[in-house]
C-alpha cells in the first residue's frame, strides 16, 4: 500500500455518497507498500479501505481480483470484501483512476515473525489454496519468469555504483533461474496470493485473523506461493535464515495440503525465483519512484541476500 494520488475531502465525500456507508468522519493515507494509493476511511457506520489502482495494474483485470476475494470469503477465508455501491457496482473511478471500497479487517500485522506465527501462516496459505480450487477463472502471473526478464530490461540504467553492481549480478542469476524454472503443469497449480508478506497478514490475540492485499494474486504453481512465504517470513532481520521458522511454516502448510515429491524437489529453485521476483520489483521502484511520493521504498539488497542463501542450499 502507498499514496501516489492525493485526495481532498470533497473528493472523498462525493465518492462515499455513492454508497450506503454513512457520512465521512475522517480519512488518512496509508504509506506502507509500493503499488497503489490506499486510504483508511472512517464513516458514521464503520471503517473501510479505499484503493486507487496505479502503476502495473491493468483495469480490465480488476473484476478477477474482486471475484476472487468474494469467492474466498464465501469459502471461509477472512479477507476484505468489495463494498457494492447504490447502483450495484463495486468498481468505480476516482481522481481518474479505478477505485474500490472494501471492508476493514480487524487485527494487526506482526512486527516480527515467530515459529508459532509461521505455522499459522503456512496453515492459512494452504487453506487459501484449497478454497481457491472452486474459482475457475484464471489470471496469468505477470511476474512469472517472462515478466522478470522484461522488468529487468527496465532496470539496467540509473542509480549509483551499488545499483550497477546489483544489476550486474542479477543479470547472471536471472538467466540461471529462468533456465531451471519448472515447465507449465510440472507442479500443482491454482489461485495464489503471491504477496503474503507480514504486512498482509493480520493477527488478533495471537491468532491469524485475516489476509489482505490480493492485487498480485494469480494462477500459478501453489508451491511458488509457499516459496514467497519462505522468503517473506523466514529471515530474521532480513539477513539470517531461520530454519526453525521455515520448518514451522512448512509444517503448518502440510497439515492441510501435503506437498508432492516434485514440489519438495523444486522448492529451492522456486525460492530463488521468489527472491528474484521481489529483488526486481524493489529495484525497479528504487530507481523509478517519483520524488515526493508518499511511499516507503523497500531495499532490493535484502532480496539479494535471500537469493544468496537459496543458491547455496539443496533443501529448504
C-alpha atoms as a PDB file:
ATOM      1  CA  UNK A   1       0.000   0.000   0.000  1.00  0.00           C
ATOM      2  CA  UNK A   2       1.063   3.599  -0.598  1.00  0.00           C
ATOM      3  CA  UNK A   3      -0.209   7.029  -1.614  1.00  0.00           C
ATOM      4  CA  UNK A   4       0.626   8.333  -5.081  1.00  0.00           C
ATOM      5  CA  UNK A   5      -2.617  10.277  -5.642  1.00  0.00           C
ATOM      6  CA  UNK A   6      -3.724  12.816  -3.063  1.00  0.00           C
ATOM      7  CA  UNK A   7      -7.437  13.248  -2.364  1.00  0.00           C
ATOM      8  CA  UNK A   8      -9.330  16.194  -0.925  1.00  0.00           C
ATOM      9  CA  UNK A   9     -12.226  15.991   1.488  1.00  0.00           C
ATOM     10  CA  UNK A  10     -14.744  16.956  -1.181  1.00  0.00           C
ATOM     11  CA  UNK A  11     -13.441  14.121  -3.394  1.00  0.00           C
ATOM     12  CA  UNK A  12     -13.950  11.616  -0.602  1.00  0.00           C
ATOM     13  CA  UNK A  13     -17.395  12.893   0.360  1.00  0.00           C
ATOM     14  CA  UNK A  14     -18.555  12.748  -3.244  1.00  0.00           C
ATOM     15  CA  UNK A  15     -17.240   9.202  -3.633  1.00  0.00           C
ATOM     16  CA  UNK A  16     -18.821   7.946  -0.413  1.00  0.00           C
ATOM     17  CA  UNK A  17     -22.187   9.449  -1.389  1.00  0.00           C
ATOM     18  CA  UNK A  18     -22.413   6.661  -3.991  1.00  0.00           C
ATOM     19  CA  UNK A  19     -22.539   4.062  -1.170  1.00  0.00           C
ATOM     20  CA  UNK A  20     -24.709   3.265   1.815  1.00  0.00           C
ATOM     21  CA  UNK A  21     -21.817   3.587   4.282  1.00  0.00           C
ATOM     22  CA  UNK A  22     -22.757   6.669   6.292  1.00  0.00           C
ATOM     23  CA  UNK A  23     -21.132  10.095   6.449  1.00  0.00           C
ATOM     24  CA  UNK A  24     -17.393  10.723   6.329  1.00  0.00           C
ATOM     25  CA  UNK A  25     -15.687  11.219   9.673  1.00  0.00           C
ATOM     26  CA  UNK A  26     -12.036  11.049   8.625  1.00  0.00           C
ATOM     27  CA  UNK A  27      -9.604   9.566   6.121  1.00  0.00           C
ATOM     28  CA  UNK A  28      -5.851   9.164   6.071  1.00  0.00           C
ATOM     29  CA  UNK A  29      -3.343   7.884   3.533  1.00  0.00           C
ATOM     30  CA  UNK A  30      -1.557   4.612   4.232  1.00  0.00           C
ATOM     31  CA  UNK A  31       2.162   4.730   3.409  1.00  0.00           C
ATOM     32  CA  UNK A  32       3.046   1.018   3.606  1.00  0.00           C
ATOM     33  CA  UNK A  33       3.583  -0.874   0.361  1.00  0.00           C
ATOM     34  CA  UNK A  34       4.524   0.257  -3.114  1.00  0.00           C
ATOM     35  CA  UNK A  35       1.782  -0.420  -5.658  1.00  0.00           C
ATOM     36  CA  UNK A  36      -1.465   1.532  -5.173  1.00  0.00           C
ATOM     37  CA  UNK A  37      -2.835   4.563  -3.323  1.00  0.00           C
ATOM     38  CA  UNK A  38      -4.655   3.472  -0.165  1.00  0.00           C
ATOM     39  CA  UNK A  39      -6.686   5.308   2.445  1.00  0.00           C
ATOM     40  CA  UNK A  40      -8.182   4.305   5.756  1.00  0.00           C
ATOM     41  CA  UNK A  41     -11.689   5.781   5.737  1.00  0.00           C
ATOM     42  CA  UNK A  42     -13.890   6.153   8.818  1.00  0.00           C
ATOM     43  CA  UNK A  43     -17.586   6.910   8.468  1.00  0.00           C
ATOM     44  CA  UNK A  44     -20.544   7.010  10.821  1.00  0.00           C
ATOM     45  CA  UNK A  45     -21.073   3.318  10.005  1.00  0.00           C
ATOM     46  CA  UNK A  46     -17.539   1.986  10.446  1.00  0.00           C
ATOM     47  CA  UNK A  47     -14.111   1.783   8.838  1.00  0.00           C
ATOM     48  CA  UNK A  48     -13.209   0.912   5.233  1.00  0.00           C
ATOM     49  CA  UNK A  49     -10.211   0.830   2.929  1.00  0.00           C
ATOM     50  CA  UNK A  50     -10.277   2.846  -0.294  1.00  0.00           C
ATOM     51  CA  UNK A  51      -7.811   1.796  -3.001  1.00  0.00           C
ATOM     52  CA  UNK A  52      -6.902   3.742  -6.137  1.00  0.00           C
ATOM     53  CA  UNK A  53      -5.138   1.455  -8.605  1.00  0.00           C
ATOM     54  CA  UNK A  54      -1.887   2.764 -10.038  1.00  0.00           C
ATOM     55  CA  UNK A  55       1.235   1.645 -11.860  1.00  0.00           C
ATOM     56  CA  UNK A  56       1.310  -2.010 -13.005  1.00  0.00           C
ATOM     57  CA  UNK A  57      -2.398  -2.710 -12.516  1.00  0.00           C
ATOM     58  CA  UNK A  58      -4.488  -3.405 -15.628  1.00  0.00           C
ATOM     59  CA  UNK A  59      -8.034  -2.074 -15.054  1.00  0.00           C
ATOM     60  CA  UNK A  60      -9.589  -4.855 -17.138  1.00  0.00           C
ATOM     61  CA  UNK A  61      -8.215  -7.409 -14.667  1.00  0.00           C
ATOM     62  CA  UNK A  62      -9.791  -5.859 -11.587  1.00  0.00           C
ATOM     63  CA  UNK A  63     -13.070  -7.857 -11.784  1.00  0.00           C
ATOM     64  CA  UNK A  64     -10.978 -11.045 -11.479  1.00  0.00           C
ATOM     65  CA  UNK A  65      -9.485  -9.855  -8.168  1.00  0.00           C
ATOM     66  CA  UNK A  66     -12.851  -8.747  -6.802  1.00  0.00           C
ATOM     67  CA  UNK A  67     -14.387 -12.066  -7.783  1.00  0.00           C
ATOM     68  CA  UNK A  68     -11.560 -13.989  -6.112  1.00  0.00           C
ATOM     69  CA  UNK A  69     -11.935 -12.118  -2.820  1.00  0.00           C
ATOM     70  CA  UNK A  70     -15.687 -12.682  -2.842  1.00  0.00           C
ATOM     71  CA  UNK A  71     -15.214 -16.386  -3.595  1.00  0.00           C
ATOM     72  CA  UNK A  72     -12.594 -16.879  -0.877  1.00  0.00           C
ATOM     73  CA  UNK A  73     -14.785 -15.172   1.715  1.00  0.00           C
ATOM     74  CA  UNK A  74     -17.652 -17.476   0.764  1.00  0.00           C
ATOM     75  CA  UNK A  75     -15.284 -20.399   1.433  1.00  0.00           C
ATOM     76  CA  UNK A  76     -14.438 -19.117   4.909  1.00  0.00           C
ATOM     77  CA  UNK A  77     -11.218 -17.187   4.222  1.00  0.00           C
ATOM     78  CA  UNK A  78     -11.091 -13.911   6.192  1.00  0.00           C
ATOM     79  CA  UNK A  79     -10.238 -11.280   3.576  1.00  0.00           C
ATOM     80  CA  UNK A  80     -11.517  -7.829   2.523  1.00  0.00           C
ATOM     81  CA  UNK A  81     -14.848  -7.754   0.730  1.00  0.00           C
ATOM     82  CA  UNK A  82     -15.667  -5.256  -2.037  1.00  0.00           C
ATOM     83  CA  UNK A  83     -18.440  -2.864  -0.999  1.00  0.00           C
ATOM     84  CA  UNK A  84     -21.236  -2.622  -3.549  1.00  0.00           C
ATOM     85  CA  UNK A  85     -22.454   0.909  -4.323  1.00  0.00           C
ATOM     86  CA  UNK A  86     -26.076   2.029  -4.591  1.00  0.00           C
ATOM     87  CA  UNK A  87     -26.084   1.258  -8.322  1.00  0.00           C
ATOM     88  CA  UNK A  88     -24.839  -2.306  -7.771  1.00  0.00           C
ATOM     89  CA  UNK A  89     -21.254  -1.654  -8.911  1.00  0.00           C
ATOM     90  CA  UNK A  90     -18.165  -2.219  -6.781  1.00  0.00           C
ATOM     91  CA  UNK A  91     -15.557  -0.907  -9.241  1.00  0.00           C
ATOM     92  CA  UNK A  92     -15.636   2.837  -9.868  1.00  0.00           C
ATOM     93  CA  UNK A  93     -13.433   5.778 -10.914  1.00  0.00           C
ATOM     94  CA  UNK A  94     -11.971   8.393  -8.582  1.00  0.00           C
ATOM     95  CA  UNK A  95      -9.338  11.032  -9.437  1.00  0.00           C
ATOM     96  CA  UNK A  96      -9.037   9.473 -12.882  1.00  0.00           C
ATOM     97  CA  UNK A  97      -8.143   6.042 -11.514  1.00  0.00           C
ATOM     98  CA  UNK A  98     -10.027   2.795 -10.950  1.00  0.00           C
ATOM     99  CA  UNK A  99     -11.146   2.682  -7.333  1.00  0.00           C
ATOM    100  CA  UNK A 100     -12.798   0.288  -4.900  1.00  0.00           C
ATOM    101  CA  UNK A 101     -14.015   0.482  -1.342  1.00  0.00           C
ATOM    102  CA  UNK A 102     -13.555  -2.691   0.705  1.00  0.00           C
ATOM    103  CA  UNK A 103     -14.403  -3.845   4.202  1.00  0.00           C
ATOM    104  CA  UNK A 104     -11.938  -3.268   7.033  1.00  0.00           C
ATOM    105  CA  UNK A 105     -10.412  -6.321   8.713  1.00  0.00           C
ATOM    106  CA  UNK A 106      -9.733  -6.213  12.431  1.00  0.00           C
ATOM    107  CA  UNK A 107      -6.284  -7.174  13.624  1.00  0.00           C
ATOM    108  CA  UNK A 108      -2.709  -6.031  13.145  1.00  0.00           C
ATOM    109  CA  UNK A 109       0.314  -7.287  11.294  1.00  0.00           C
ATOM    110  CA  UNK A 110       3.214  -8.589  13.367  1.00  0.00           C
ATOM    111  CA  UNK A 111       6.419  -6.643  13.903  1.00  0.00           C
ATOM    112  CA  UNK A 112       8.477  -9.848  13.973  1.00  0.00           C
ATOM    113  CA  UNK A 113       7.907 -13.453  12.978  1.00  0.00           C
ATOM    114  CA  UNK A 114       7.794 -16.351  15.420  1.00  0.00           C
ATOM    115  CA  UNK A 115       7.635 -20.117  14.823  1.00  0.00           C
ATOM    116  CA  UNK A 116       4.029 -20.090  16.036  1.00  0.00           C
ATOM    117  CA  UNK A 117       3.073 -17.332  13.624  1.00  0.00           C
ATOM    118  CA  UNK A 118       4.883 -19.038  10.736  1.00  0.00           C
ATOM    119  CA  UNK A 119       2.994 -22.270  11.371  1.00  0.00           C
ATOM    120  CA  UNK A 120      -0.302 -20.379  11.311  1.00  0.00           C
ATOM    121  CA  UNK A 121       0.685 -18.599   8.097  1.00  0.00           C
ATOM    122  CA  UNK A 122       1.561 -21.908   6.439  1.00  0.00           C
ATOM    123  CA  UNK A 123      -1.741 -23.406   7.502  1.00  0.00           C
ATOM    124  CA  UNK A 124      -3.637 -20.302   6.382  1.00  0.00           C
ATOM    125  CA  UNK A 125      -1.921 -20.319   2.997  1.00  0.00           C
ATOM    126  CA  UNK A 126      -2.852 -23.952   2.428  1.00  0.00           C
ATOM    127  CA  UNK A 127      -6.474 -23.210   3.359  1.00  0.00           C
ATOM    128  CA  UNK A 128      -6.430 -20.317   0.869  1.00  0.00           C
ATOM    129  CA  UNK A 129      -5.124 -22.637  -1.846  1.00  0.00           C
ATOM    130  CA  UNK A 130      -7.790 -25.216  -1.085  1.00  0.00           C
ATOM    131  CA  UNK A 131     -10.528 -22.558  -1.065  1.00  0.00           C
ATOM    132  CA  UNK A 132      -9.310 -21.200  -4.395  1.00  0.00           C
ATOM    133  CA  UNK A 133      -9.936 -24.506  -6.170  1.00  0.00           C
ATOM    134  CA  UNK A 134     -13.549 -23.555  -6.841  1.00  0.00           C
ATOM    135  CA  UNK A 135     -12.645 -20.263  -8.525  1.00  0.00           C
ATOM    136  CA  UNK A 136     -12.223 -21.417 -12.101  1.00  0.00           C
ATOM    137  CA  UNK A 137     -11.332 -18.147 -13.840  1.00  0.00           C
ATOM    138  CA  UNK A 138      -7.573 -17.864 -14.346  1.00  0.00           C
ATOM    139  CA  UNK A 139      -5.207 -14.916 -14.370  1.00  0.00           C
ATOM    140  CA  UNK A 140      -1.716 -15.362 -15.759  1.00  0.00           C
ATOM    141  CA  UNK A 141       1.113 -14.335 -13.450  1.00  0.00           C
ATOM    142  CA  UNK A 142       2.500 -11.126 -14.946  1.00  0.00           C
ATOM    143  CA  UNK A 143       5.524 -11.508 -12.676  1.00  0.00           C
ATOM    144  CA  UNK A 144       6.474 -15.024 -13.723  1.00  0.00           C
ATOM    145  CA  UNK A 145       9.936 -15.593 -15.277  1.00  0.00           C
ATOM    146  CA  UNK A 146       8.994 -13.932 -18.574  1.00  0.00           C
ATOM    147  CA  UNK A 147       7.856 -10.882 -16.616  1.00  0.00           C
ATOM    148  CA  UNK A 148      11.098 -10.824 -14.626  1.00  0.00           C
ATOM    149  CA  UNK A 149      13.127 -10.649 -17.828  1.00  0.00           C
ATOM    150  CA  UNK A 150      11.026  -7.773 -19.140  1.00  0.00           C
ATOM    151  CA  UNK A 151      11.158  -5.939 -15.802  1.00  0.00           C
ATOM    152  CA  UNK A 152      14.926  -6.368 -15.568  1.00  0.00           C
ATOM    153  CA  UNK A 153      15.298  -4.787 -19.017  1.00  0.00           C
ATOM    154  CA  UNK A 154      13.850  -1.592 -17.489  1.00  0.00           C
ATOM    155  CA  UNK A 155      16.267  -1.602 -14.536  1.00  0.00           C
ATOM    156  CA  UNK A 156      19.573  -1.525 -16.390  1.00  0.00           C
ATOM    157  CA  UNK A 157      20.342   2.175 -16.110  1.00  0.00           C
ATOM    158  CA  UNK A 158      20.250   4.831 -13.430  1.00  0.00           C
ATOM    159  CA  UNK A 159      21.495   4.659  -9.873  1.00  0.00           C
ATOM    160  CA  UNK A 160      24.917   4.676  -8.273  1.00  0.00           C
ATOM    161  CA  UNK A 161      27.772   2.148  -8.255  1.00  0.00           C
ATOM    162  CA  UNK A 162      25.985  -0.076  -5.738  1.00  0.00           C
ATOM    163  CA  UNK A 163      22.956  -0.276  -8.036  1.00  0.00           C
ATOM    164  CA  UNK A 164      25.212  -1.011 -11.015  1.00  0.00           C
ATOM    165  CA  UNK A 165      26.868  -3.890  -9.134  1.00  0.00           C
ATOM    166  CA  UNK A 166      23.483  -5.290  -8.130  1.00  0.00           C
ATOM    167  CA  UNK A 167      22.297  -5.132 -11.737  1.00  0.00           C
ATOM    168  CA  UNK A 168      25.377  -6.972 -12.999  1.00  0.00           C
ATOM    169  CA  UNK A 169      24.981  -9.836 -10.512  1.00  0.00           C
ATOM    170  CA  UNK A 170      21.230 -10.009 -11.076  1.00  0.00           C
ATOM    171  CA  UNK A 171      21.675 -10.471 -14.820  1.00  0.00           C
ATOM    172  CA  UNK A 172      23.625 -13.721 -14.285  1.00  0.00           C
ATOM    173  CA  UNK A 173      21.349 -15.058 -11.547  1.00  0.00           C
ATOM    174  CA  UNK A 174      18.205 -14.310 -13.536  1.00  0.00           C
ATOM    175  CA  UNK A 175      19.459 -16.290 -16.530  1.00  0.00           C
ATOM    176  CA  UNK A 176      20.203 -19.304 -14.317  1.00  0.00           C
ATOM    177  CA  UNK A 177      16.798 -19.262 -12.581  1.00  0.00           C
ATOM    178  CA  UNK A 178      14.851 -18.940 -15.826  1.00  0.00           C
ATOM    179  CA  UNK A 179      16.682 -21.973 -17.256  1.00  0.00           C
ATOM    180  CA  UNK A 180      15.880 -24.043 -14.148  1.00  0.00           C
ATOM    181  CA  UNK A 181      12.242 -22.988 -13.768  1.00  0.00           C
ATOM    182  CA  UNK A 182       9.665 -25.836 -13.936  1.00  0.00           C
ATOM    183  CA  UNK A 183       7.672 -26.104 -17.135  1.00  0.00           C
ATOM    184  CA  UNK A 184       3.933 -25.468 -17.166  1.00  0.00           C
ATOM    185  CA  UNK A 185       1.912 -28.179 -15.390  1.00  0.00           C
ATOM    186  CA  UNK A 186       5.057 -29.746 -13.901  1.00  0.00           C
ATOM    187  CA  UNK A 187       3.685 -28.888 -10.451  1.00  0.00           C
ATOM    188  CA  UNK A 188       0.170 -28.429  -9.000  1.00  0.00           C
ATOM    189  CA  UNK A 189      -1.335 -25.090  -9.976  1.00  0.00           C
ATOM    190  CA  UNK A 190      -4.118 -22.928  -8.630  1.00  0.00           C
ATOM    191  CA  UNK A 191      -5.005 -19.490  -7.335  1.00  0.00           C
ATOM    192  CA  UNK A 192      -2.145 -17.986  -5.306  1.00  0.00           C
ATOM    193  CA  UNK A 193      -1.865 -14.823  -3.227  1.00  0.00           C
ATOM    194  CA  UNK A 194       1.690 -14.130  -4.488  1.00  0.00           C
ATOM    195  CA  UNK A 195       2.417 -11.371  -1.941  1.00  0.00           C
ATOM    196  CA  UNK A 196       1.854 -12.851   1.523  1.00  0.00           C
ATOM    197  CA  UNK A 197       4.260 -10.617   3.424  1.00  0.00           C
ATOM    198  CA  UNK A 198       3.970  -9.864   7.117  1.00  0.00           C
ATOM    199  CA  UNK A 199       2.087  -6.621   6.484  1.00  0.00           C
ATOM    200  CA  UNK A 200      -0.563  -8.544   4.511  1.00  0.00           C
ATOM    201  CA  UNK A 201      -1.421 -10.935   7.360  1.00  0.00           C
ATOM    202  CA  UNK A 202      -3.374  -9.804  10.430  1.00  0.00           C
ATOM    203  CA  UNK A 203      -3.386 -11.365  13.895  1.00  0.00           C
ATOM    204  CA  UNK A 204      -5.665 -10.891  16.910  1.00  0.00           C
ATOM    205  CA  UNK A 205      -4.900 -12.330  20.329  1.00  0.00           C
ATOM    206  CA  UNK A 206      -2.089 -14.412  18.849  1.00  0.00           C
ATOM    207  CA  UNK A 207      -4.271 -15.967  16.152  1.00  0.00           C
ATOM    208  CA  UNK A 208      -4.272 -15.297  12.416  1.00  0.00           C
ATOM    209  CA  UNK A 209      -7.364 -13.165  11.778  1.00  0.00           C
ATOM    210  CA  UNK A 210      -7.209 -12.257   8.095  1.00  0.00           C
ATOM    211  CA  UNK A 211      -5.317 -11.792   4.838  1.00  0.00           C
ATOM    212  CA  UNK A 212      -5.307  -8.577   2.786  1.00  0.00           C
ATOM    213  CA  UNK A 213      -3.948  -7.096  -0.467  1.00  0.00           C
ATOM    214  CA  UNK A 214      -4.823  -9.621  -3.175  1.00  0.00           C
ATOM    215  CA  UNK A 215      -3.751  -7.427  -6.097  1.00  0.00           C
ATOM    216  CA  UNK A 216      -0.820  -9.654  -7.084  1.00  0.00           C
ATOM    217  CA  UNK A 217      -2.954 -12.803  -6.898  1.00  0.00           C
ATOM    218  CA  UNK A 218      -2.844 -15.006  -9.976  1.00  0.00           C
ATOM    219  CA  UNK A 219      -2.929 -18.581 -11.219  1.00  0.00           C
ATOM    220  CA  UNK A 220       0.453 -20.287 -10.822  1.00  0.00           C
ATOM    221  CA  UNK A 221       2.346 -23.047  -9.024  1.00  0.00           C
ATOM    222  CA  UNK A 222       0.962 -23.440  -5.496  1.00  0.00           C
ATOM    223  CA  UNK A 223       4.438 -24.220  -4.162  1.00  0.00           C
ATOM    224  CA  UNK A 224       5.693 -20.905  -5.586  1.00  0.00           C
ATOM    225  CA  UNK A 225       3.313 -19.149  -3.177  1.00  0.00           C
ATOM    226  CA  UNK A 226       4.915 -21.164  -0.386  1.00  0.00           C
ATOM    227  CA  UNK A 227       8.378 -20.119  -1.643  1.00  0.00           C
ATOM    228  CA  UNK A 228       7.309 -16.485  -1.448  1.00  0.00           C
ATOM    229  CA  UNK A 229       6.297 -17.016   2.178  1.00  0.00           C
ATOM    230  CA  UNK A 230       9.629 -18.676   2.978  1.00  0.00           C
ATOM    231  CA  UNK A 231      11.331 -15.555   1.628  1.00  0.00           C
ATOM    232  CA  UNK A 232       8.991 -13.154   3.389  1.00  0.00           C
ATOM    233  CA  UNK A 233       8.703 -14.807   6.814  1.00  0.00           C
ATOM    234  CA  UNK A 234      11.849 -16.828   7.497  1.00  0.00           C
ATOM    235  CA  UNK A 235      14.714 -14.305   7.522  1.00  0.00           C
ATOM    236  CA  UNK A 236      15.414 -12.659  10.861  1.00  0.00           C
ATOM    237  CA  UNK A 237      16.441  -9.012  10.486  1.00  0.00           C
ATOM    238  CA  UNK A 238      16.208  -9.580   6.710  1.00  0.00           C
ATOM    239  CA  UNK A 239      19.573 -11.362   6.878  1.00  0.00           C
ATOM    240  CA  UNK A 240      19.612 -14.678   8.714  1.00  0.00           C
ATOM    241  CA  UNK A 241      17.561 -17.649   7.540  1.00  0.00           C
ATOM    242  CA  UNK A 242      15.730 -19.239  10.435  1.00  0.00           C
ATOM    243  CA  UNK A 243      15.420 -22.944   9.737  1.00  0.00           C
ATOM    244  CA  UNK A 244      13.032 -23.384  12.671  1.00  0.00           C
ATOM    245  CA  UNK A 245      10.694 -20.747  11.250  1.00  0.00           C
ATOM    246  CA  UNK A 246      10.826 -22.401   7.819  1.00  0.00           C
ATOM    247  CA  UNK A 247      10.105 -25.815   9.323  1.00  0.00           C
ATOM    248  CA  UNK A 248       7.129 -24.361  11.197  1.00  0.00           C
ATOM    249  CA  UNK A 249       5.758 -22.725   8.059  1.00  0.00           C
ATOM    250  CA  UNK A 250       6.104 -25.936   6.035  1.00  0.00           C
ATOM    251  CA  UNK A 251       4.620 -27.992   8.865  1.00  0.00           C
ATOM    252  CA  UNK A 252       1.557 -25.749   9.037  1.00  0.00           C
ATOM    253  CA  UNK A 253       1.092 -25.882   5.281  1.00  0.00           C
ATOM    254  CA  UNK A 254       1.368 -29.652   5.045  1.00  0.00           C
ATOM    255  CA  UNK A 255      -1.127 -30.146   7.851  1.00  0.00           C
ATOM    256  CA  UNK A 256      -3.701 -29.016   5.300  1.00  0.00           C
ATOM    257  CA  UNK A 257      -2.141 -29.759   1.905  1.00  0.00           C
ATOM    258  CA  UNK A 258       0.860 -32.140   1.761  1.00  0.00           C
ATOM    259  CA  UNK A 259       3.402 -31.234  -0.904  1.00  0.00           C
ATOM    260  CA  UNK A 260       4.177 -33.643  -3.713  1.00  0.00           C
ATOM    261  CA  UNK A 261       7.670 -35.092  -4.136  1.00  0.00           C
ATOM    262  CA  UNK A 262       8.157 -32.882  -7.187  1.00  0.00           C
ATOM    263  CA  UNK A 263       7.218 -29.774  -5.189  1.00  0.00           C
ATOM    264  CA  UNK A 264       9.685 -30.627  -2.430  1.00  0.00           C
ATOM    265  CA  UNK A 265      12.433 -31.113  -5.013  1.00  0.00           C
ATOM    266  CA  UNK A 266      11.745 -27.798  -6.744  1.00  0.00           C
ATOM    267  CA  UNK A 267      11.381 -25.660  -3.617  1.00  0.00           C
ATOM    268  CA  UNK A 268      14.979 -24.325  -3.666  1.00  0.00           C
ATOM    269  CA  UNK A 269      14.556 -23.131  -7.269  1.00  0.00           C
ATOM    270  CA  UNK A 270      11.107 -21.703  -6.506  1.00  0.00           C
ATOM    271  CA  UNK A 271      12.619 -19.871  -3.524  1.00  0.00           C
ATOM    272  CA  UNK A 272      15.345 -18.431  -5.751  1.00  0.00           C
ATOM    273  CA  UNK A 273      12.622 -17.290  -8.124  1.00  0.00           C
ATOM    274  CA  UNK A 274      10.696 -15.648  -5.308  1.00  0.00           C
ATOM    275  CA  UNK A 275      13.877 -13.840  -4.198  1.00  0.00           C
ATOM    276  CA  UNK A 276      14.425 -12.673  -7.772  1.00  0.00           C
ATOM    277  CA  UNK A 277      10.845 -11.503  -8.227  1.00  0.00           C
ATOM    278  CA  UNK A 278      10.989  -9.192  -5.192  1.00  0.00           C
ATOM    279  CA  UNK A 279      14.559  -8.106  -5.875  1.00  0.00           C
ATOM    280  CA  UNK A 280      13.450  -6.910  -9.307  1.00  0.00           C
ATOM    281  CA  UNK A 281      10.272  -5.118  -8.269  1.00  0.00           C
ATOM    282  CA  UNK A 282      12.129  -3.430  -5.423  1.00  0.00           C
ATOM    283  CA  UNK A 283      14.982  -2.496  -7.753  1.00  0.00           C
ATOM    284  CA  UNK A 284      12.548  -1.062 -10.285  1.00  0.00           C
ATOM    285  CA  UNK A 285      10.829   1.030  -7.631  1.00  0.00           C
ATOM    286  CA  UNK A 286      14.180   2.042  -6.134  1.00  0.00           C
ATOM    287  CA  UNK A 287      15.212   3.722  -9.371  1.00  0.00           C
ATOM    288  CA  UNK A 288      11.799   4.808 -10.695  1.00  0.00           C
ATOM    289  CA  UNK A 289       9.707   6.019  -7.714  1.00  0.00           C
ATOM    290  CA  UNK A 290       8.920   9.703  -8.303  1.00  0.00           C
ATOM    291  CA  UNK A 291      10.331  12.242  -5.885  1.00  0.00           C
ATOM    292  CA  UNK A 292       7.777  13.406  -3.331  1.00  0.00           C
ATOM    293  CA  UNK A 293       5.560  10.304  -3.450  1.00  0.00           C
ATOM    294  CA  UNK A 294       4.238   9.229  -0.040  1.00  0.00           C
ATOM    295  CA  UNK A 295       5.666   5.735  -0.289  1.00  0.00           C
ATOM    296  CA  UNK A 296       8.158   3.674   1.623  1.00  0.00           C
ATOM    297  CA  UNK A 297      10.787   2.415  -0.840  1.00  0.00           C
ATOM    298  CA  UNK A 298      11.991  -1.081   0.020  1.00  0.00           C
ATOM    299  CA  UNK A 299      15.581  -2.328  -0.058  1.00  0.00           C
ATOM    300  CA  UNK A 300      16.351  -4.599  -3.062  1.00  0.00           C
ATOM    301  CA  UNK A 301      19.621  -5.775  -1.451  1.00  0.00           C
ATOM    302  CA  UNK A 302      17.566  -7.567   1.209  1.00  0.00           C
ATOM    303  CA  UNK A 303      16.422  -9.936  -1.524  1.00  0.00           C
ATOM    304  CA  UNK A 304      19.901 -10.256  -2.960  1.00  0.00           C
ATOM    305  CA  UNK A 305      20.899 -11.680   0.434  1.00  0.00           C
ATOM    306  CA  UNK A 306      17.942 -14.080   0.376  1.00  0.00           C
ATOM    307  CA  UNK A 307      18.872 -15.150  -3.140  1.00  0.00           C
ATOM    308  CA  UNK A 308      22.426 -15.884  -1.994  1.00  0.00           C
ATOM    309  CA  UNK A 309      21.055 -18.184   0.700  1.00  0.00           C
ATOM    310  CA  UNK A 310      18.781 -20.181  -1.604  1.00  0.00           C
ATOM    311  CA  UNK A 311      21.521 -20.503  -4.228  1.00  0.00           C
ATOM    312  CA  UNK A 312      23.589 -22.441  -1.670  1.00  0.00           C
ATOM    313  CA  UNK A 313      21.011 -24.982  -0.445  1.00  0.00           C
ATOM    314  CA  UNK A 314      19.583 -28.188  -1.885  1.00  0.00           C
ATOM    315  CA  UNK A 315      16.706 -28.349   0.607  1.00  0.00           C
ATOM    316  CA  UNK A 316      14.817 -25.514   2.297  1.00  0.00           C
END
